Amino acid sequence: MSQPLGCAIGNALDVAETVAILRGEEGGRLRELALRFAVEAQVRLLGIDEGEARRRAEGALADGSALGAFRRMVEAQGGNPRVVDDPWAVLPRAPVVRPIVAETDGYLAAVDAEAIGRASVDLGAGRHRKGDPIDPAVGILFRPKVGDRLEAGEELGSVHARTEDDAEAAVARVRASLEVAAGPVSPPPLIHGWFG
């Protein structure tokens, strides 16, 4: 993976991003990836053409049926279905939120996605070892994608942490994971191909 697929890394942040996409409040790469998977599944499993599959997938987002299916999944697993209506009334929040600010002007040329993932793990959003606890409130929001224009001082996202020290360390690691070029950069393809 050459960059995070969506903007959110961390349980609560991921759920909030998912709900925003299902409600039509956010677009971007993750929404497009979900649509492309839905299209491919319909083409392969139902034998319908790609255009019709895309229309159905877009329709499920537009008419709320995809959001309704998510609500039923949450409820079936013992979760609070209110998360669909007001995610932050249900989801835990980290006590420390710090911005990630661009240090220079330029174009985002590369992102070390592994470094951002490791920074998230160090916050507690993932495990170093099997059995380590996960803190569902912490994580990283990172909005720009490869090819985007950045301006010095622009807020690129935020770190959600338990402590100031953890937040500062994660902000530094995210900044260090970015390669910024002076000139325009072509974004990589979202999907390189399908297997099978």
Protein backbone atom coordinates (compact mmCIF):
# COMPACT_ATOMS: atom_id res chain seq x y z
CA MET A 1 0.00 0.00 0.00
CA SER A 2 1.51 3.31 -1.10
CA GLN A 3 -0.67 5.42 1.21
CA PRO A 4 -3.61 5.03 3.59
CA LEU A 5 -6.77 4.16 1.65
CA GLY A 6 -9.05 6.41 3.65
CA CYS A 7 -8.38 9.28 6.02
CA ALA A 8 -8.87 7.47 9.34
CA ILE A 9 -6.61 5.07 11.20
CA GLY A 10 -7.97 3.80 14.53
CA ASN A 11 -11.22 2.13 15.52
CA ALA A 12 -13.49 5.06 16.42
CA LEU A 13 -12.06 7.25 13.67
CA ASP A 14 -12.57 4.43 11.13
CA VAL A 15 -16.20 3.95 12.17
CA ALA A 16 -16.90 7.69 11.99
CA GLU A 17 -15.35 7.84 8.50
CA THR A 18 -17.39 4.83 7.37
CA VAL A 19 -20.62 6.40 8.61
CA ALA A 20 -19.76 9.70 6.89
CA ILE A 21 -19.21 7.87 3.59
CA LEU A 22 -22.43 5.88 3.94
CA ARG A 23 -24.35 9.08 4.72
CA GLY A 24 -22.93 10.81 1.64
CA GLU A 25 -20.98 13.35 3.71
CA GLU A 26 -17.55 12.26 2.45
CA GLY A 27 -16.16 11.07 -0.84
CA GLY A 28 -12.58 10.25 -1.66
CA ARG A 29 -10.54 7.16 -2.26
CA LEU A 30 -12.17 4.94 0.36
CA ARG A 31 -15.66 5.60 -1.01
CA GLU A 32 -14.45 4.94 -4.53
CA LEU A 33 -12.69 1.75 -3.43
CA ALA A 34 -15.86 0.46 -1.75
CA LEU A 35 -17.86 1.22 -4.89
CA ARG A 36 -15.31 -0.54 -7.10
CA PHE A 37 -15.41 -3.63 -4.86
CA ALA A 38 -19.22 -3.62 -4.94
CA VAL A 39 -19.19 -3.32 -8.73
CA GLU A 40 -16.64 -6.12 -9.15
CA ALA A 41 -18.60 -8.42 -6.82
CA GLN A 42 -21.84 -7.85 -8.74
CA VAL A 43 -20.17 -8.39 -12.11
CA ARG A 44 -18.52 -11.63 -10.99
CA LEU A 45 -21.29 -13.05 -8.80
CA LEU A 46 -24.46 -11.80 -10.50
CA GLY A 47 -23.20 -11.56 -14.06
CA ILE A 48 -24.48 -8.03 -14.61
CA ASP A 49 -22.61 -5.46 -16.66
CA GLU A 50 -20.30 -2.94 -15.02
CA GLY A 51 -22.49 0.10 -15.74
CA GLU A 52 -25.56 -1.46 -14.12
CA ALA A 53 -23.46 -2.66 -11.18
CA ARG A 54 -22.12 0.86 -10.66
CA ARG A 55 -25.63 2.31 -10.83
CA ARG A 56 -26.84 -0.16 -8.19
CA ALA A 57 -23.89 0.52 -5.88
CA GLU A 58 -24.27 4.30 -6.18
CA GLY A 59 -28.01 3.89 -5.66
CA ALA A 60 -27.50 1.95 -2.42
CA LEU A 61 -25.49 4.88 -1.07
CA ALA A 62 -27.90 7.51 -2.37
CA ASP A 63 -31.12 5.90 -1.11
CA GLY A 64 -29.74 5.01 2.32
CA SER A 65 -30.01 1.25 1.93
CA ALA A 66 -26.23 0.80 2.41
CA LEU A 67 -26.45 2.84 5.63
CA GLY A 68 -29.43 0.75 6.74
CA ALA A 69 -27.48 -2.45 6.13
CA PHE A 70 -24.60 -1.06 8.22
CA ARG A 71 -27.04 -0.21 11.04
CA ARG A 72 -28.37 -3.79 11.00
CA MET A 73 -24.83 -5.22 11.06
CA VAL A 74 -23.90 -3.05 14.06
CA GLU A 75 -27.07 -4.09 15.89
CA ALA A 76 -26.61 -7.80 15.05
CA GLN A 77 -23.14 -7.67 16.63
CA GLY A 78 -24.42 -6.07 19.83
CA GLY A 79 -23.32 -2.54 18.97
CA ASN A 80 -25.29 0.65 19.50
CA PRO A 81 -27.15 1.42 16.24
CA ARG A 82 -27.21 5.13 17.21
CA VAL A 83 -23.67 5.24 15.85
CA VAL A 84 -25.25 5.57 12.41
CA ASP A 85 -27.18 8.70 13.41
CA ASP A 86 -24.60 10.45 15.58
CA PRO A 87 -21.24 8.63 15.67
CA TRP A 88 -19.60 10.86 18.27
CA ALA A 89 -22.49 10.43 20.70
CA VAL A 90 -21.52 6.75 20.85
CA LEU A 91 -17.83 6.46 19.95
CA PRO A 92 -15.01 7.11 22.44
CA ARG A 93 -12.88 10.22 21.99
CA ALA A 94 -9.20 10.65 22.73
CA PRO A 95 -8.45 13.33 25.33
CA VAL A 96 -5.61 14.87 23.31
CA VAL A 97 -6.05 15.96 19.68
CA ARG A 98 -3.15 17.70 17.90
CA PRO A 99 -3.01 18.94 14.30
CA ILE A 100 -0.58 17.65 11.71
CA VAL A 101 0.58 20.74 9.83
CA ALA A 102 2.45 20.86 6.51
CA GLU A 103 5.97 22.17 6.94
CA THR A 104 6.57 23.15 3.31
CA ASP A 105 4.79 24.03 0.08
CA GLY A 106 4.76 21.41 -2.64
CA TYR A 107 3.04 18.27 -3.84
CA LEU A 108 2.66 15.11 -1.81
CA ALA A 109 4.93 12.72 -3.70
CA ALA A 110 4.97 9.72 -1.35
CA VAL A 111 3.67 8.53 2.00
CA ASP A 112 5.34 5.85 4.09
CA ALA A 113 2.08 4.11 5.01
CA GLU A 114 3.92 1.60 7.20
CA ALA A 115 5.41 4.42 9.29
CA ILE A 116 1.96 5.96 9.78
CA GLY A 117 0.61 2.54 10.73
CA ARG A 118 3.40 2.04 13.27
CA ALA A 119 2.73 5.49 14.73
CA SER A 120 -0.91 4.45 15.15
CA VAL A 121 0.12 1.22 16.86
CA ASP A 122 2.34 3.18 19.24
CA LEU A 123 -0.67 5.35 20.12
CA GLY A 124 -2.56 2.16 21.03
CA ALA A 125 -4.72 1.88 17.90
CA GLY A 126 -3.11 -1.47 17.08
CA ARG A 127 -1.11 -4.25 18.72
CA HIS A 128 2.63 -4.74 18.99
CA ARG A 129 2.02 -8.31 20.15
CA LYS A 130 -0.92 -10.68 20.17
CA GLY A 131 -2.98 -9.98 23.26
CA ASP A 132 -2.01 -6.31 23.58
CA PRO A 133 -5.05 -4.14 24.31
CA ILE A 134 -6.41 -1.77 21.67
CA ASP A 135 -7.55 1.72 22.59
CA PRO A 136 -10.53 2.42 20.29
CA ALA A 137 -10.36 6.20 20.88
CA VAL A 138 -6.86 6.87 19.55
CA GLY A 139 -5.55 7.10 16.01
CA ILE A 140 -4.62 9.36 13.15
CA LEU A 141 -6.66 11.33 10.63
CA PHE A 142 -4.66 12.13 7.50
CA ARG A 143 -6.52 13.73 4.58
CA PRO A 144 -4.11 14.45 1.70
CA LYS A 145 -3.33 11.84 -0.92
CA VAL A 146 -0.36 11.44 -3.23
CA GLY A 147 -0.55 14.14 -5.89
CA ASP A 148 -2.31 16.71 -3.69
CA ARG A 149 -0.92 20.25 -3.43
CA LEU A 150 0.21 21.17 0.09
CA GLU A 151 0.80 24.62 1.56
CA ALA A 152 3.07 25.31 4.51
CA GLY A 153 0.94 25.78 7.61
CA GLU A 154 -2.01 23.85 6.16
CA GLU A 155 -3.63 21.34 8.50
CA LEU A 156 -3.26 17.90 6.93
CA GLY A 157 -4.98 15.94 9.66
CA SER A 158 -4.77 15.24 13.35
CA VAL A 159 -3.40 12.84 15.94
CA HIS A 160 -5.82 11.53 18.57
CA ALA A 161 -3.89 10.38 21.63
CA ARG A 162 -4.03 9.70 25.36
CA THR A 163 -1.09 11.97 26.26
CA GLU A 164 0.66 15.07 24.93
CA ASP A 165 3.92 13.12 24.59
CA ASP A 166 2.22 10.40 22.52
CA ALA A 167 0.59 13.05 20.33
CA GLU A 168 3.85 14.93 19.73
CA ALA A 169 5.70 11.72 18.85
CA ALA A 170 2.99 10.64 16.40
CA VAL A 171 2.83 14.07 14.73
CA ALA A 172 6.61 13.95 14.21
CA ARG A 173 6.44 10.42 12.77
CA VAL A 174 3.66 11.33 10.35
CA ARG A 175 5.56 14.40 9.14
CA ALA A 176 8.71 12.29 8.69
CA SER A 177 6.71 9.78 6.61
CA LEU A 178 5.90 12.36 3.93
CA GLU A 179 7.88 13.13 0.80
CA VAL A 180 7.02 16.50 -0.72
CA ALA A 181 8.07 17.42 -4.29
CA ALA A 182 8.38 20.89 -5.80
CA GLY A 183 6.40 20.00 -8.93
CA PRO A 184 3.15 18.17 -9.67
CA VAL A 185 3.02 14.43 -8.98
CA SER A 186 0.67 11.92 -10.59
CA PRO A 187 -1.39 9.96 -8.08
CA PRO A 188 -1.02 6.17 -8.20
CA PRO A 189 -3.97 4.11 -9.43
CA LEU A 190 -6.47 3.16 -6.74
CA ILE A 191 -6.58 -0.43 -7.98
CA HIS A 192 -3.80 -1.99 -10.02
CA GLY A 193 -5.84 -5.01 -11.09
CA TRP A 194 -8.08 -7.87 -9.99
CA PHE A 195 -7.01 -11.45 -9.33
CA GLY A 196 -9.07 -14.50 -10.14
